[in-house]
Amino acid sequence: YPEHAFADRFAAAARDGFEAVECLFPYALPTS
């Protein structure tokens, strides 16, 4: 999903039917 900003990739993955995601480094965003 490089066509989306990182925070928008969660929604894109869910729309495509994924029930889980992974990533390299989540630390640019707060846990909340």
Full PDB file with SEQRES, HELIX, SHEET, SSBOND, CRYST1, ORIGX, SCALE, CONECT and MASTER records, all heavy atoms in Angstrom:
SEQRES   1 A   32  TYR PRO GLU HIS ALA PHE ALA ASP ARG PHE ALA ALA ALA          
SEQRES   2 A   32  ALA ARG ASP GLY PHE GLU ALA VAL GLU CYS LEU PHE PRO          
SEQRES   3 A   32  TYR ALA LEU PRO THR SER                                      
HELIX    1 AA1 PHE A    6  ARG A   15  1                                  10    
CRYST1    1.000    1.000    1.000  90.00  90.00  90.00 P 1           1          
ORIGX1      1.000000  0.000000  0.000000        0.00000                         
ORIGX2      0.000000  1.000000  0.000000        0.00000                         
ORIGX3      0.000000  0.000000  1.000000        0.00000                         
SCALE1      1.000000  0.000000  0.000000        0.00000                         
SCALE2      0.000000  1.000000  0.000000        0.00000                         
SCALE3      0.000000  0.000000  1.000000        0.00000                         
ATOM      1  N   TYR A   1       0.799  -1.224   0.000  1.00  0.00           N  
ATOM      2  CA  TYR A   1       0.000   0.000   0.000  1.00  0.00           C  
ATOM      3  C   TYR A   1       0.837   1.283   0.000  1.00  0.00           C  
ATOM      4  O   TYR A   1       0.497   2.251   0.684  1.00  0.00           O  
ATOM      5  CB  TYR A   1      -0.988   0.001   1.171  1.00  0.00           C  
ATOM      6  CG  TYR A   1      -1.927  -1.169   1.151  1.00  0.00           C  
ATOM      7  CD1 TYR A   1      -1.693  -2.280   1.969  1.00  0.00           C  
ATOM      8  CD2 TYR A   1      -3.021  -1.198   0.284  1.00  0.00           C  
ATOM      9  CE1 TYR A   1      -2.542  -3.382   1.926  1.00  0.00           C  
ATOM     10  CE2 TYR A   1      -3.866  -2.309   0.240  1.00  0.00           C  
ATOM     11  CZ  TYR A   1      -3.623  -3.389   1.061  1.00  0.00           C  
ATOM     12  OH  TYR A   1      -4.452  -4.477   1.016  1.00  0.00           O  
ATOM     13  N   PRO A   2       1.933   1.330  -0.770  1.00  0.00           N  
ATOM     14  CA  PRO A   2       2.727   2.562  -0.802  1.00  0.00           C  
ATOM     15  C   PRO A   2       1.974   3.728  -1.435  1.00  0.00           C  
ATOM     16  O   PRO A   2       2.413   4.880  -1.316  1.00  0.00           O  
ATOM     17  CB  PRO A   2       3.944   2.174  -1.639  1.00  0.00           C  
ATOM     18  CG  PRO A   2       3.454   1.081  -2.533  1.00  0.00           C  
ATOM     19  CD  PRO A   2       2.480   0.309  -1.673  1.00  0.00           C  
ATOM     20  N   GLU A   3       0.842   3.457  -2.094  1.00  0.00           N  
ATOM     21  CA  GLU A   3       0.027   4.511  -2.677  1.00  0.00           C  
ATOM     22  C   GLU A   3      -0.740   5.296  -1.616  1.00  0.00           C  
ATOM     23  O   GLU A   3      -1.376   6.313  -1.927  1.00  0.00           O  
ATOM     24  CB  GLU A   3      -0.944   3.935  -3.711  1.00  0.00           C  
ATOM     25  CG  GLU A   3      -1.870   2.859  -3.189  1.00  0.00           C  
ATOM     26  CD  GLU A   3      -1.309   1.441  -3.314  1.00  0.00           C  
ATOM     27  OE1 GLU A   3      -0.074   1.265  -3.336  1.00  0.00           O  
ATOM     28  OE2 GLU A   3      -2.124   0.510  -3.372  1.00  0.00           O  
ATOM     29  N   HIS A   4      -0.678   4.829  -0.362  1.00  0.00           N  
ATOM     30  CA  HIS A   4      -1.356   5.510   0.743  1.00  0.00           C  
ATOM     31  C   HIS A   4      -0.331   5.966   1.792  1.00  0.00           C  
ATOM     32  O   HIS A   4       0.735   5.357   1.939  1.00  0.00           O  
ATOM     33  CB  HIS A   4      -2.345   4.563   1.430  1.00  0.00           C  
ATOM     34  CG  HIS A   4      -3.416   4.032   0.539  1.00  0.00           C  
ATOM     35  ND1 HIS A   4      -4.445   4.805   0.046  1.00  0.00           N  
ATOM     36  CD2 HIS A   4      -3.628   2.782   0.041  1.00  0.00           C  
ATOM     37  CE1 HIS A   4      -5.242   4.065  -0.710  1.00  0.00           C  
ATOM     38  NE2 HIS A   4      -4.760   2.837  -0.729  1.00  0.00           N  
ATOM     39  N   ALA A   5      -0.669   6.990   2.533  1.00  0.00           N  
ATOM     40  CA  ALA A   5       0.109   7.347   3.720  1.00  0.00           C  
ATOM     41  C   ALA A   5       0.047   6.190   4.703  1.00  0.00           C  
ATOM     42  O   ALA A   5      -0.920   5.415   4.714  1.00  0.00           O  
ATOM     43  CB  ALA A   5      -0.449   8.613   4.357  1.00  0.00           C  
ATOM     44  N   PHE A   6       1.062   6.063   5.551  1.00  0.00           N  
ATOM     45  CA  PHE A   6       1.140   4.886   6.418  1.00  0.00           C  
ATOM     46  C   PHE A   6      -0.119   4.696   7.251  1.00  0.00           C  
ATOM     47  O   PHE A   6      -0.660   3.582   7.339  1.00  0.00           O  
ATOM     48  CB  PHE A   6       2.365   4.970   7.330  1.00  0.00           C  
ATOM     49  CG  PHE A   6       2.531   3.756   8.203  1.00  0.00           C  
ATOM     50  CD1 PHE A   6       3.013   2.567   7.682  1.00  0.00           C  
ATOM     51  CD2 PHE A   6       2.177   3.799   9.546  1.00  0.00           C  
ATOM     52  CE1 PHE A   6       3.147   1.429   8.480  1.00  0.00           C  
ATOM     53  CE2 PHE A   6       2.316   2.673  10.357  1.00  0.00           C  
ATOM     54  CZ  PHE A   6       2.800   1.484   9.819  1.00  0.00           C  
ATOM     55  N   ALA A   7      -0.615   5.756   7.852  1.00  0.00           N  
ATOM     56  CA  ALA A   7      -1.790   5.615   8.721  1.00  0.00           C  
ATOM     57  C   ALA A   7      -3.027   5.179   7.947  1.00  0.00           C  
ATOM     58  O   ALA A   7      -3.951   4.600   8.526  1.00  0.00           O  
ATOM     59  CB  ALA A   7      -2.062   6.924   9.452  1.00  0.00           C  
ATOM     60  N   ASP A   8      -3.057   5.449   6.646  1.00  0.00           N  
ATOM     61  CA  ASP A   8      -4.207   5.063   5.829  1.00  0.00           C  
ATOM     62  C   ASP A   8      -4.112   3.623   5.321  1.00  0.00           C  
ATOM     63  O   ASP A   8      -5.077   3.093   4.748  1.00  0.00           O  
ATOM     64  CB  ASP A   8      -4.341   6.006   4.635  1.00  0.00           C  
ATOM     65  CG  ASP A   8      -4.647   7.436   5.060  1.00  0.00           C  
ATOM     66  OD1 ASP A   8      -5.298   7.615   6.117  1.00  0.00           O  
ATOM     67  OD2 ASP A   8      -4.222   8.369   4.356  1.00  0.00           O  
ATOM     68  N   ARG A   9      -2.978   2.991   5.502  1.00  0.00           N  
ATOM     69  CA  ARG A   9      -2.797   1.633   4.994  1.00  0.00           C  
ATOM     70  C   ARG A   9      -3.590   0.608   5.806  1.00  0.00           C  
ATOM     71  O   ARG A   9      -3.939  -0.460   5.293  1.00  0.00           O  
ATOM     72  CB  ARG A   9      -1.301   1.275   4.979  1.00  0.00           C  
ATOM     73  CG  ARG A   9      -0.506   2.174   4.046  1.00  0.00           C  
ATOM     74  CD  ARG A   9       0.990   1.870   4.058  1.00  0.00           C  
ATOM     75  NE  ARG A   9       1.707   2.912   3.326  1.00  0.00           N  
ATOM     76  CZ  ARG A   9       3.012   2.909   3.089  1.00  0.00           C  
ATOM     77  NH1 ARG A   9       3.763   1.892   3.529  1.00  0.00           N  
ATOM     78  NH2 ARG A   9       3.571   3.897   2.431  1.00  0.00           N  
ATOM     79  N   PHE A  10      -3.873   0.918   7.061  1.00  0.00           N  
ATOM     80  CA  PHE A  10      -4.674   0.004   7.886  1.00  0.00           C  
ATOM     81  C   PHE A  10      -6.063  -0.169   7.270  1.00  0.00           C  
ATOM     82  O   PHE A  10      -6.550  -1.291   7.114  1.00  0.00           O  
ATOM     83  CB  PHE A  10      -4.787   0.544   9.317  1.00  0.00           C  
ATOM     84  CG  PHE A  10      -3.491   0.583  10.069  1.00  0.00           C  
ATOM     85  CD1 PHE A  10      -2.590   1.633   9.882  1.00  0.00           C  
ATOM     86  CD2 PHE A  10      -3.159  -0.415  10.974  1.00  0.00           C  
ATOM     87  CE1 PHE A  10      -1.383   1.668  10.585  1.00  0.00           C  
ATOM     88  CE2 PHE A  10      -1.965  -0.388  11.677  1.00  0.00           C  
ATOM     89  CZ  PHE A  10      -1.072   0.657  11.473  1.00  0.00           C  
ATOM     90  N   ALA A  11      -6.682   0.940   6.912  1.00  0.00           N  
ATOM     91  CA  ALA A  11      -8.013   0.877   6.305  1.00  0.00           C  
ATOM     92  C   ALA A  11      -7.965   0.155   4.965  1.00  0.00           C  
ATOM     93  O   ALA A  11      -8.867  -0.637   4.646  1.00  0.00           O  
ATOM     94  CB  ALA A  11      -8.573   2.287   6.133  1.00  0.00           C  
ATOM     95  N   ALA A  12      -6.934   0.422   4.169  1.00  0.00           N  
ATOM     96  CA  ALA A  12      -6.816  -0.221   2.859  1.00  0.00           C  
ATOM     97  C   ALA A  12      -6.688  -1.731   3.002  1.00  0.00           C  
ATOM     98  O   ALA A  12      -7.321  -2.497   2.257  1.00  0.00           O  
ATOM     99  CB  ALA A  12      -5.622   0.358   2.106  1.00  0.00           C  
ATOM    100  N   ALA A  13      -5.882  -2.171   3.958  1.00  0.00           N  
ATOM    101  CA  ALA A  13      -5.716  -3.607   4.176  1.00  0.00           C  
ATOM    102  C   ALA A  13      -7.027  -4.253   4.628  1.00  0.00           C  
ATOM    103  O   ALA A  13      -7.394  -5.341   4.169  1.00  0.00           O  
ATOM    104  CB  ALA A  13      -4.619  -3.863   5.203  1.00  0.00           C  
ATOM    105  N   ALA A  14      -7.741  -3.582   5.523  1.00  0.00           N  
ATOM    106  CA  ALA A  14      -9.017  -4.125   5.992  1.00  0.00           C  
ATOM    107  C   ALA A  14     -10.024  -4.211   4.848  1.00  0.00           C  
ATOM    108  O   ALA A  14     -10.764  -5.198   4.742  1.00  0.00           O  
ATOM    109  CB  ALA A  14      -9.558  -3.270   7.122  1.00  0.00           C  
ATOM    110  N   ARG A  15     -10.068  -3.210   3.993  1.00  0.00           N  
ATOM    111  CA  ARG A  15     -10.996  -3.239   2.855  1.00  0.00           C  
ATOM    112  C   ARG A  15     -10.708  -4.420   1.936  1.00  0.00           C  
ATOM    113  O   ARG A  15     -11.626  -4.991   1.326  1.00  0.00           O  
ATOM    114  CB  ARG A  15     -10.910  -1.934   2.060  1.00  0.00           C  
ATOM    115  CG  ARG A  15     -11.599  -0.748   2.711  1.00  0.00           C  
ATOM    116  CD  ARG A  15     -11.787   0.384   1.727  1.00  0.00           C  
ATOM    117  NE  ARG A  15     -10.513   0.876   1.200  1.00  0.00           N  
ATOM    118  CZ  ARG A  15      -9.801   1.861   1.734  1.00  0.00           C  
ATOM    119  NH1 ARG A  15     -10.238   2.461   2.842  1.00  0.00           N  
ATOM    120  NH2 ARG A  15      -8.667   2.255   1.193  1.00  0.00           N  
ATOM    121  N   ASP A  16      -9.445  -4.792   1.836  1.00  0.00           N  
ATOM    122  CA  ASP A  16      -9.070  -5.895   0.956  1.00  0.00           C  
ATOM    123  C   ASP A  16      -9.264  -7.263   1.609  1.00  0.00           C  
ATOM    124  O   ASP A  16      -9.012  -8.293   0.975  1.00  0.00           O  
ATOM    125  CB  ASP A  16      -7.620  -5.735   0.500  1.00  0.00           C  
ATOM    126  CG  ASP A  16      -7.475  -4.702  -0.603  1.00  0.00           C  
ATOM    127  OD1 ASP A  16      -8.448  -4.502  -1.362  1.00  0.00           O  
ATOM    128  OD2 ASP A  16      -6.389  -4.099  -0.719  1.00  0.00           O  
ATOM    129  N   GLY A  17      -9.680  -7.287   2.861  1.00  0.00           N  
ATOM    130  CA  GLY A  17      -9.996  -8.553   3.505  1.00  0.00           C  
ATOM    131  C   GLY A  17      -8.963  -9.069   4.477  1.00  0.00           C  
ATOM    132  O   GLY A  17      -9.134 -10.153   5.054  1.00  0.00           O  
ATOM    133  N   PHE A  18      -7.886  -8.344   4.699  1.00  0.00           N  
ATOM    134  CA  PHE A  18      -6.890  -8.782   5.685  1.00  0.00           C  
ATOM    135  C   PHE A  18      -7.453  -8.617   7.093  1.00  0.00           C  
ATOM    136  O   PHE A  18      -8.138  -7.638   7.402  1.00  0.00           O  
ATOM    137  CB  PHE A  18      -5.601  -7.975   5.550  1.00  0.00           C  
ATOM    138  CG  PHE A  18      -4.781  -8.316   4.340  1.00  0.00           C  
ATOM    139  CD1 PHE A  18      -4.829  -7.524   3.200  1.00  0.00           C  
ATOM    140  CD2 PHE A  18      -3.961  -9.438   4.332  1.00  0.00           C  
ATOM    141  CE1 PHE A  18      -4.076  -7.835   2.073  1.00  0.00           C  
ATOM    142  CE2 PHE A  18      -3.208  -9.763   3.215  1.00  0.00           C  
ATOM    143  CZ  PHE A  18      -3.261  -8.958   2.083  1.00  0.00           C  
ATOM    144  N   GLU A  19      -7.127  -9.563   7.928  1.00  0.00           N  
ATOM    145  CA  GLU A  19      -7.519  -9.495   9.336  1.00  0.00           C  
ATOM    146  C   GLU A  19      -6.339  -9.186  10.249  1.00  0.00           C  
ATOM    147  O   GLU A  19      -6.525  -9.040  11.462  1.00  0.00           O  
ATOM    148  CB  GLU A  19      -8.166 -10.808   9.753  1.00  0.00           C  
ATOM    149  CG  GLU A  19      -9.443 -11.108   8.976  1.00  0.00           C  
ATOM    150  CD  GLU A  19     -10.049 -12.438   9.363  1.00  0.00           C  
ATOM    151  OE1 GLU A  19     -10.762 -12.488  10.386  1.00  0.00           O  
ATOM    152  OE2 GLU A  19      -9.799 -13.434   8.652  1.00  0.00           O  
ATOM    153  N   ALA A  20      -5.148  -9.112   9.685  1.00  0.00           N  
ATOM    154  CA  ALA A  20      -3.958  -8.781  10.463  1.00  0.00           C  
ATOM    155  C   ALA A  20      -2.988  -8.013   9.581  1.00  0.00           C  
ATOM    156  O   ALA A  20      -3.030  -8.100   8.344  1.00  0.00           O  
ATOM    157  CB  ALA A  20      -3.281 -10.037  11.009  1.00  0.00           C  
ATOM    158  N   VAL A  21      -2.131  -7.270  10.232  1.00  0.00           N  
ATOM    159  CA  VAL A  21      -1.077  -6.520   9.551  1.00  0.00           C  
ATOM    160  C   VAL A  21       0.219  -6.709  10.324  1.00  0.00           C  
ATOM    161  O   VAL A  21       0.226  -7.161  11.471  1.00  0.00           O  
ATOM    162  CB  VAL A  21      -1.421  -5.016   9.441  1.00  0.00           C  
ATOM    163  CG1 VAL A  21      -2.632  -4.800   8.548  1.00  0.00           C  
ATOM    164  CG2 VAL A  21      -1.647  -4.405  10.825  1.00  0.00           C  
ATOM    165  N   GLU A  22       1.315  -6.370   9.669  1.00  0.00           N  
ATOM    166  CA  GLU A  22       2.618  -6.301  10.312  1.00  0.00           C  
ATOM    167  C   GLU A  22       3.350  -5.114   9.730  1.00  0.00           C  
ATOM    168  O   GLU A  22       2.911  -4.516   8.736  1.00  0.00           O  
ATOM    169  CB  GLU A  22       3.414  -7.598  10.086  1.00  0.00           C  
ATOM    170  CG  GLU A  22       3.715  -7.881   8.616  1.00  0.00           C  
ATOM    171  CD  GLU A  22       4.521  -9.163   8.406  1.00  0.00           C  
ATOM    172  OE1 GLU A  22       4.305 -10.129   9.142  1.00  0.00           O  
ATOM    173  OE2 GLU A  22       5.365  -9.178   7.480  1.00  0.00           O  
ATOM    174  N   CYS A  23       4.453  -4.724  10.347  1.00  0.00           N  
ATOM    175  CA  CYS A  23       5.252  -3.633   9.805  1.00  0.00           C  
ATOM    176  C   CYS A  23       6.666  -3.767  10.349  1.00  0.00           C  
ATOM    177  O   CYS A  23       6.919  -4.545  11.273  1.00  0.00           O  
ATOM    178  CB  CYS A  23       4.662  -2.269  10.153  1.00  0.00           C  
ATOM    179  SG  CYS A  23       4.671  -1.867  11.917  1.00  0.00           S  
ATOM    180  N   LEU A  24       7.573  -3.001   9.764  1.00  0.00           N  
ATOM    181  CA  LEU A  24       8.939  -3.020  10.290  1.00  0.00           C  
ATOM    182  C   LEU A  24       9.006  -2.274  11.613  1.00  0.00           C  
ATOM    183  O   LEU A  24       9.316  -2.848  12.647  1.00  0.00           O  
ATOM    184  CB  LEU A  24       9.902  -2.423   9.268  1.00  0.00           C  
ATOM    185  CG  LEU A  24      10.132  -3.203   7.984  1.00  0.00           C  
ATOM    186  CD1 LEU A  24      11.241  -2.546   7.156  1.00  0.00           C  
ATOM    187  CD2 LEU A  24      10.490  -4.655   8.260  1.00  0.00           C  
ATOM    188  N   PHE A  25       8.723  -0.982  11.578  1.00  0.00           N  
ATOM    189  CA  PHE A  25       8.936  -0.148  12.766  1.00  0.00           C  
ATOM    190  C   PHE A  25       7.722   0.752  12.977  1.00  0.00           C  
ATOM    191  O   PHE A  25       7.465   1.644  12.165  1.00  0.00           O  
ATOM    192  CB  PHE A  25      10.203   0.697  12.595  1.00  0.00           C  
ATOM    193  CG  PHE A  25      11.391  -0.104  12.155  1.00  0.00           C  
ATOM    194  CD1 PHE A  25      11.933   0.071  10.889  1.00  0.00           C  
ATOM    195  CD2 PHE A  25      11.958  -1.057  12.981  1.00  0.00           C  
ATOM    196  CE1 PHE A  25      13.018  -0.675  10.468  1.00  0.00           C  
ATOM    197  CE2 PHE A  25      13.040  -1.813  12.570  1.00  0.00           C  
ATOM    198  CZ  PHE A  25      13.577  -1.619  11.299  1.00  0.00           C  
ATOM    199  N   PRO A  26       6.999   0.573  14.069  1.00  0.00           N  
ATOM    200  CA  PRO A  26       5.795   1.376  14.317  1.00  0.00           C  
ATOM    201  C   PRO A  26       6.051   2.663  15.093  1.00  0.00           C  
ATOM    202  O   PRO A  26       5.109   3.397  15.388  1.00  0.00           O  
ATOM    203  CB  PRO A  26       4.951   0.421  15.163  1.00  0.00           C  
ATOM    204  CG  PRO A  26       5.966  -0.333  15.966  1.00  0.00           C  
ATOM    205  CD  PRO A  26       7.163  -0.502  15.059  1.00  0.00           C  
ATOM    206  N   TYR A  27       7.290   2.952  15.410  1.00  0.00           N  
ATOM    207  CA  TYR A  27       7.587   3.924  16.461  1.00  0.00           C  
ATOM    208  C   TYR A  27       7.350   5.384  16.073  1.00  0.00           C  
ATOM    209  O   TYR A  27       7.358   6.256  16.944  1.00  0.00           O  
ATOM    210  CB  TYR A  27       9.030   3.728  16.938  1.00  0.00           C  
ATOM    211  CG  TYR A  27       9.323   2.292  17.273  1.00  0.00           C  
ATOM    212  CD1 TYR A  27      10.135   1.511  16.443  1.00  0.00           C  
ATOM    213  CD2 TYR A  27       8.753   1.693  18.388  1.00  0.00           C  
ATOM    214  CE1 TYR A  27      10.368   0.173  16.722  1.00  0.00           C  
ATOM    215  CE2 TYR A  27       8.979   0.360  18.679  1.00  0.00           C  
ATOM    216  CZ  TYR A  27       9.792  -0.397  17.840  1.00  0.00           C  
ATOM    217  OH  TYR A  27      10.011  -1.726  18.117  1.00  0.00           O  
ATOM    218  N   ALA A  28       7.100   5.665  14.794  1.00  0.00           N  
ATOM    219  CA  ALA A  28       6.806   7.044  14.394  1.00  0.00           C  
ATOM    220  C   ALA A  28       5.417   7.468  14.855  1.00  0.00           C  
ATOM    221  O   ALA A  28       5.129   8.671  14.918  1.00  0.00           O  
ATOM    222  CB  ALA A  28       6.922   7.192  12.873  1.00  0.00           C  
ATOM    223  N   LEU A  29       4.563   6.505  15.168  1.00  0.00           N  
ATOM    224  CA  LEU A  29       3.222   6.795  15.658  1.00  0.00           C  
ATOM    225  C   LEU A  29       3.105   6.367  17.114  1.00  0.00           C  
ATOM    226  O   LEU A  29       3.653   5.332  17.502  1.00  0.00           O  
ATOM    227  CB  LEU A  29       2.164   6.048  14.842  1.00  0.00           C  
ATOM    228  CG  LEU A  29       2.019   6.425  13.366  1.00  0.00           C  
ATOM    229  CD1 LEU A  29       0.979   5.534  12.700  1.00  0.00           C  
ATOM    230  CD2 LEU A  29       1.641   7.890  13.213  1.00  0.00           C  
ATOM    231  N   PRO A  30       2.388   7.132  17.933  1.00  0.00           N  
ATOM    232  CA  PRO A  30       2.178   6.699  19.317  1.00  0.00           C  
ATOM    233  C   PRO A  30       1.293   5.463  19.370  1.00  0.00           C  
ATOM    234  O   PRO A  30       0.491   5.204  18.459  1.00  0.00           O  
ATOM    235  CB  PRO A  30       1.497   7.911  19.967  1.00  0.00           C  
ATOM    236  CG  PRO A  30       0.885   8.663  18.842  1.00  0.00           C  
ATOM    237  CD  PRO A  30       1.766   8.443  17.650  1.00  0.00           C  
ATOM    238  N   THR A  31       1.433   4.706  20.446  1.00  0.00           N  
ATOM    239  CA  THR A  31       0.635   3.484  20.568  1.00  0.00           C  
ATOM    240  C   THR A  31      -0.860   3.780  20.541  1.00  0.00           C  
ATOM    241  O   THR A  31      -1.637   2.977  20.012  1.00  0.00           O  
ATOM    242  CB  THR A  31       0.983   2.736  21.866  1.00  0.00           C  
ATOM    243  OG1 THR A  31       0.784   3.614  22.991  1.00  0.00           O  
ATOM    244  CG2 THR A  31       2.416   2.245  21.845  1.00  0.00           C  
ATOM    245  N   SER A  32      -1.269   4.917  21.079  1.00  0.00           N  
ATOM    246  CA  SER A  32      -2.701   5.240  21.104  1.00  0.00           C  
ATOM    247  C   SER A  32      -3.253   5.369  19.688  1.00  0.00           C  
ATOM    248  O   SER A  32      -4.378   4.918  19.412  1.00  0.00           O  
ATOM    249  CB  SER A  32      -2.946   6.524  21.890  1.00  0.00           C  
ATOM    250  OG  SER A  32      -2.199   7.603  21.330  1.00  0.00           O  
TER     251      SER A  32                                                      
MASTER        0    0    0    1    0    0    0    6  250    1    0    3          
END                                                                             
